[in-house]
Amino acid sequence: MKQKLETIKLNLPWVERLDMVNAPAPLAPELALQMQDQEVRRAKQLKGNKKLPQYDPTEDPVLNDFRRETMFHRQAQGAVMDGIARLKKLGIPTTRPDDYFAEMAKSDAHMHKVRENLLRKQMIVQRSEKVRQLRQQRKVGKQMQIEATLKKHAEKRKILLACERMICPFASLKDGAGSPLFTTKPRVVKQSTACDL
């Protein structure tokens, strides 16, 4: 078996193979918090629903999938961090130069169509947002107009009541039954016309 492995194995320099054996990158604090939140949320979901099978958080398949994906991500991140450091030590550039032009997989005409499609979608979203804002402004304006009208009517009522009190200061007095003692009725003065004479 070892002989077969030796015959299959390619003795190429590391730069050609880029194989890495490394530990996973450290877990980011926000990712650790997200995992804790997900565990708590999942525990509440399981506790609230007796129809679902009850799992221990360490054995829950949903959480295990998330942990597995996180581990893949951390492993790849650790390999990239170690690999870039190793490449820089060897003096191999890891970024593409600014003046580098590669052959594109798609034609310029196709990319132009894609760009136009994206711009059209963006314009549709902006237009609908403007329409929504205009509707909201109309609602607010209408509400303000109603409030101003109500305020104007209240002031008018207040002024009329004050005028009425000036005409008959006893108008606010009431008898035992709750009806006003004095009523003020406006006098109607008939104007004489030529027909009346």
Protein backbone atom coordinates (compact mmCIF):
# COMPACT_ATOMS: atom_id res chain seq x y z
CA MET A 1 0.00 0.00 0.00
CA LYS A 2 2.80 2.39 0.90
CA GLN A 3 4.55 1.53 -2.36
CA LYS A 4 1.43 2.43 -4.34
CA LEU A 5 1.15 5.70 -2.42
CA GLU A 6 4.76 6.51 -3.30
CA THR A 7 4.16 5.79 -6.99
CA ILE A 8 0.98 7.90 -7.10
CA LYS A 9 2.40 10.78 -5.05
CA LEU A 10 3.64 13.72 -7.13
CA ASN A 11 6.85 15.26 -5.87
CA LEU A 12 6.00 18.82 -6.85
CA PRO A 13 6.96 21.95 -4.93
CA TRP A 14 4.39 23.34 -2.47
CA VAL A 15 3.64 26.31 -4.74
CA GLU A 16 2.26 23.87 -7.31
CA ARG A 17 0.24 21.82 -4.81
CA LEU A 18 -0.91 24.46 -2.29
CA ASP A 19 -1.95 21.74 0.15
CA MET A 20 -2.41 22.78 3.76
CA VAL A 21 -2.89 20.98 7.06
CA ASN A 22 -3.98 23.50 9.65
CA ALA A 23 -6.28 24.16 12.59
CA PRO A 24 -9.54 26.07 12.06
CA ALA A 25 -9.51 29.85 12.40
CA PRO A 26 -10.68 31.22 15.76
CA LEU A 27 -14.42 31.66 16.10
CA ALA A 28 -15.52 35.28 15.63
CA PRO A 29 -17.33 36.71 18.71
CA GLU A 30 -20.40 37.75 16.69
CA LEU A 31 -20.61 34.24 15.23
CA ALA A 32 -20.40 32.72 18.72
CA LEU A 33 -23.25 35.01 19.84
CA GLN A 34 -25.27 34.06 16.77
CA MET A 35 -24.77 30.36 17.55
CA GLN A 36 -25.88 30.90 21.17
CA ASP A 37 -28.94 32.83 20.03
CA GLN A 38 -29.81 30.09 17.59
CA GLU A 39 -29.48 27.44 20.32
CA VAL A 40 -31.78 29.41 22.64
CA ARG A 41 -34.30 30.03 19.84
CA ARG A 42 -34.27 26.36 18.84
CA ALA A 43 -34.70 25.25 22.48
CA LYS A 44 -37.75 27.55 22.86
CA GLN A 45 -39.18 26.25 19.59
CA LEU A 46 -38.79 22.64 20.68
CA LYS A 47 -40.14 23.31 24.16
CA GLY A 48 -43.22 25.08 22.81
CA ASN A 49 -44.13 22.35 20.32
CA LYS A 50 -44.61 18.83 21.70
CA LYS A 51 -45.23 17.41 18.21
CA LEU A 52 -41.57 17.93 17.27
CA PRO A 53 -39.05 15.37 18.51
CA GLN A 54 -37.21 16.69 21.56
CA TYR A 55 -33.42 16.89 21.19
CA ASP A 56 -30.55 17.85 23.42
CA PRO A 57 -28.90 21.00 21.95
CA THR A 58 -25.67 19.07 21.30
CA GLU A 59 -27.53 16.38 19.33
CA ASP A 60 -30.03 18.58 17.47
CA PRO A 61 -29.60 17.94 13.72
CA VAL A 62 -30.58 21.50 12.80
CA LEU A 63 -27.93 23.01 15.06
CA ASN A 64 -25.40 20.35 14.02
CA ASP A 65 -25.79 21.44 10.37
CA PHE A 66 -25.08 25.04 11.35
CA ARG A 67 -22.05 24.01 13.42
CA ARG A 68 -20.76 21.85 10.57
CA GLU A 69 -21.07 24.73 8.08
CA THR A 70 -19.33 27.03 10.55
CA MET A 71 -16.52 24.52 10.95
CA PHE A 72 -16.07 24.30 7.14
CA HIS A 73 -15.92 28.08 6.97
CA ARG A 74 -13.41 28.33 9.84
CA GLN A 75 -11.23 25.58 8.32
CA ALA A 76 -11.14 27.37 4.95
CA GLN A 77 -10.47 30.70 6.65
CA GLY A 78 -7.55 29.24 8.61
CA ALA A 79 -6.10 27.70 5.41
CA VAL A 80 -6.35 31.03 3.59
CA MET A 81 -4.69 32.93 6.44
CA ASP A 82 -1.79 30.47 6.69
CA GLY A 83 -1.49 30.08 2.89
CA ILE A 84 -1.29 33.81 2.18
CA ALA A 85 1.34 34.26 4.88
CA ARG A 86 3.35 31.38 3.38
CA LEU A 87 3.02 32.77 -0.17
CA LYS A 88 4.17 36.22 0.96
CA LYS A 89 7.15 34.62 2.69
CA LEU A 90 8.05 32.97 -0.63
CA GLY A 91 7.67 36.32 -2.44
CA ILE A 92 4.73 35.26 -4.62
CA PRO A 93 2.18 38.03 -5.29
CA THR A 94 -1.32 37.25 -4.04
CA THR A 95 -3.25 40.19 -5.53
CA ARG A 96 -3.93 40.91 -9.18
CA PRO A 97 -2.22 44.03 -10.60
CA ASP A 98 -4.43 47.01 -11.40
CA ASP A 99 -3.53 46.94 -15.10
CA TYR A 100 -4.28 43.21 -15.50
CA PHE A 101 -6.84 42.41 -18.18
CA ALA A 102 -8.21 38.88 -18.31
CA GLU A 103 -10.36 37.41 -21.05
CA MET A 104 -13.95 37.63 -19.93
CA ALA A 105 -16.19 34.57 -19.97
CA LYS A 106 -19.13 36.66 -21.20
CA SER A 107 -19.16 39.15 -24.07
CA ASP A 108 -19.39 42.90 -23.57
CA ALA A 109 -22.81 42.95 -25.24
CA HIS A 110 -24.13 40.40 -22.75
CA MET A 111 -22.70 42.34 -19.81
CA HIS A 112 -24.26 45.53 -21.22
CA LYS A 113 -27.67 43.77 -21.27
CA VAL A 114 -27.15 42.59 -17.69
CA ARG A 115 -26.21 46.13 -16.60
CA GLU A 116 -29.29 47.60 -18.32
CA ASN A 117 -31.51 45.00 -16.65
CA LEU A 118 -30.07 45.82 -13.23
CA LEU A 119 -30.50 49.56 -13.81
CA ARG A 120 -34.11 49.02 -14.94
CA LYS A 121 -34.87 47.02 -11.79
CA GLN A 122 -33.23 49.68 -9.65
CA MET A 123 -35.32 52.41 -11.32
CA ILE A 124 -38.52 50.40 -10.70
CA VAL A 125 -37.64 50.05 -7.02
CA GLN A 126 -36.85 53.78 -6.73
CA ARG A 127 -40.09 54.73 -8.50
CA SER A 128 -42.20 52.53 -6.22
CA GLU A 129 -40.40 53.98 -3.19
CA LYS A 130 -41.18 57.54 -4.37
CA VAL A 131 -44.85 56.63 -4.92
CA ARG A 132 -45.01 55.13 -1.44
CA GLN A 133 -43.45 58.27 0.07
CA LEU A 134 -45.90 60.50 -1.83
CA ARG A 135 -48.83 58.44 -0.53
CA GLN A 136 -47.48 58.76 2.98
CA GLN A 137 -47.04 62.52 2.56
CA ARG A 138 -50.61 62.85 1.28
CA LYS A 139 -51.93 60.97 4.31
CA VAL A 140 -49.95 63.18 6.67
CA GLY A 141 -51.05 66.33 4.81
CA LYS A 142 -54.69 65.29 4.92
CA GLN A 143 -54.45 64.55 8.64
CA MET A 144 -52.83 67.94 9.27
CA GLN A 145 -55.56 69.64 7.22
CA ILE A 146 -58.27 67.89 9.27
CA GLU A 147 -56.57 68.93 12.51
CA ALA A 148 -56.29 72.55 11.31
CA THR A 149 -59.97 72.60 10.33
CA LEU A 150 -61.02 71.18 13.70
CA LYS A 151 -58.84 73.73 15.47
CA LYS A 152 -60.36 76.55 13.41
CA HIS A 153 -63.92 75.34 14.24
CA ALA A 154 -63.05 75.12 17.94
CA GLU A 155 -61.71 78.68 17.92
CA LYS A 156 -64.79 79.90 16.06
CA ARG A 157 -67.06 78.17 18.59
CA LYS A 158 -65.07 79.73 21.43
CA ILE A 159 -65.35 83.22 19.89
CA LEU A 160 -69.10 82.81 19.29
CA LEU A 161 -69.59 81.71 22.89
CA ALA A 162 -67.61 84.73 24.12
CA CYS A 163 -69.70 87.06 21.93
CA GLU A 164 -72.89 85.48 23.19
CA ARG A 165 -71.77 86.05 26.79
CA MET A 166 -71.02 89.69 25.99
CA ILE A 167 -74.51 90.16 24.55
CA CYS A 168 -76.27 88.47 27.45
CA PRO A 169 -73.99 87.89 30.45
CA PHE A 170 -76.67 85.76 32.17
CA ALA A 171 -76.95 83.29 29.28
CA SER A 172 -74.84 80.74 31.10
CA LEU A 173 -77.18 80.69 34.12
CA LYS A 174 -79.51 77.69 34.24
CA ASP A 175 -82.60 76.90 36.22
CA GLY A 176 -83.10 73.75 38.29
CA ALA A 177 -84.16 71.68 35.25
CA GLY A 178 -80.90 72.44 33.40
CA SER A 179 -82.38 74.74 30.75
CA PRO A 180 -80.96 78.24 30.36
CA LEU A 181 -82.80 81.07 32.15
CA PHE A 182 -82.18 83.51 29.38
CA THR A 183 -82.05 82.72 25.73
CA THR A 184 -80.57 85.03 23.24
CA LYS A 185 -82.24 85.01 19.90
CA PRO A 186 -80.92 87.23 17.19
CA ARG A 187 -83.32 89.99 16.24
CA VAL A 188 -84.48 89.98 12.68
CA VAL A 189 -84.90 93.49 11.45
CA LYS A 190 -87.11 93.68 8.44
CA GLN A 191 -85.98 96.18 5.94
CA SER A 192 -88.69 98.12 4.24
CA THR A 193 -88.78 98.06 0.53
CA ALA A 194 -90.74 100.05 -2.00
CA CYS A 195 -93.36 97.30 -2.16
CA ASP A 196 -94.16 97.61 1.56
CA LEU A 197 -95.15 101.26 1.29
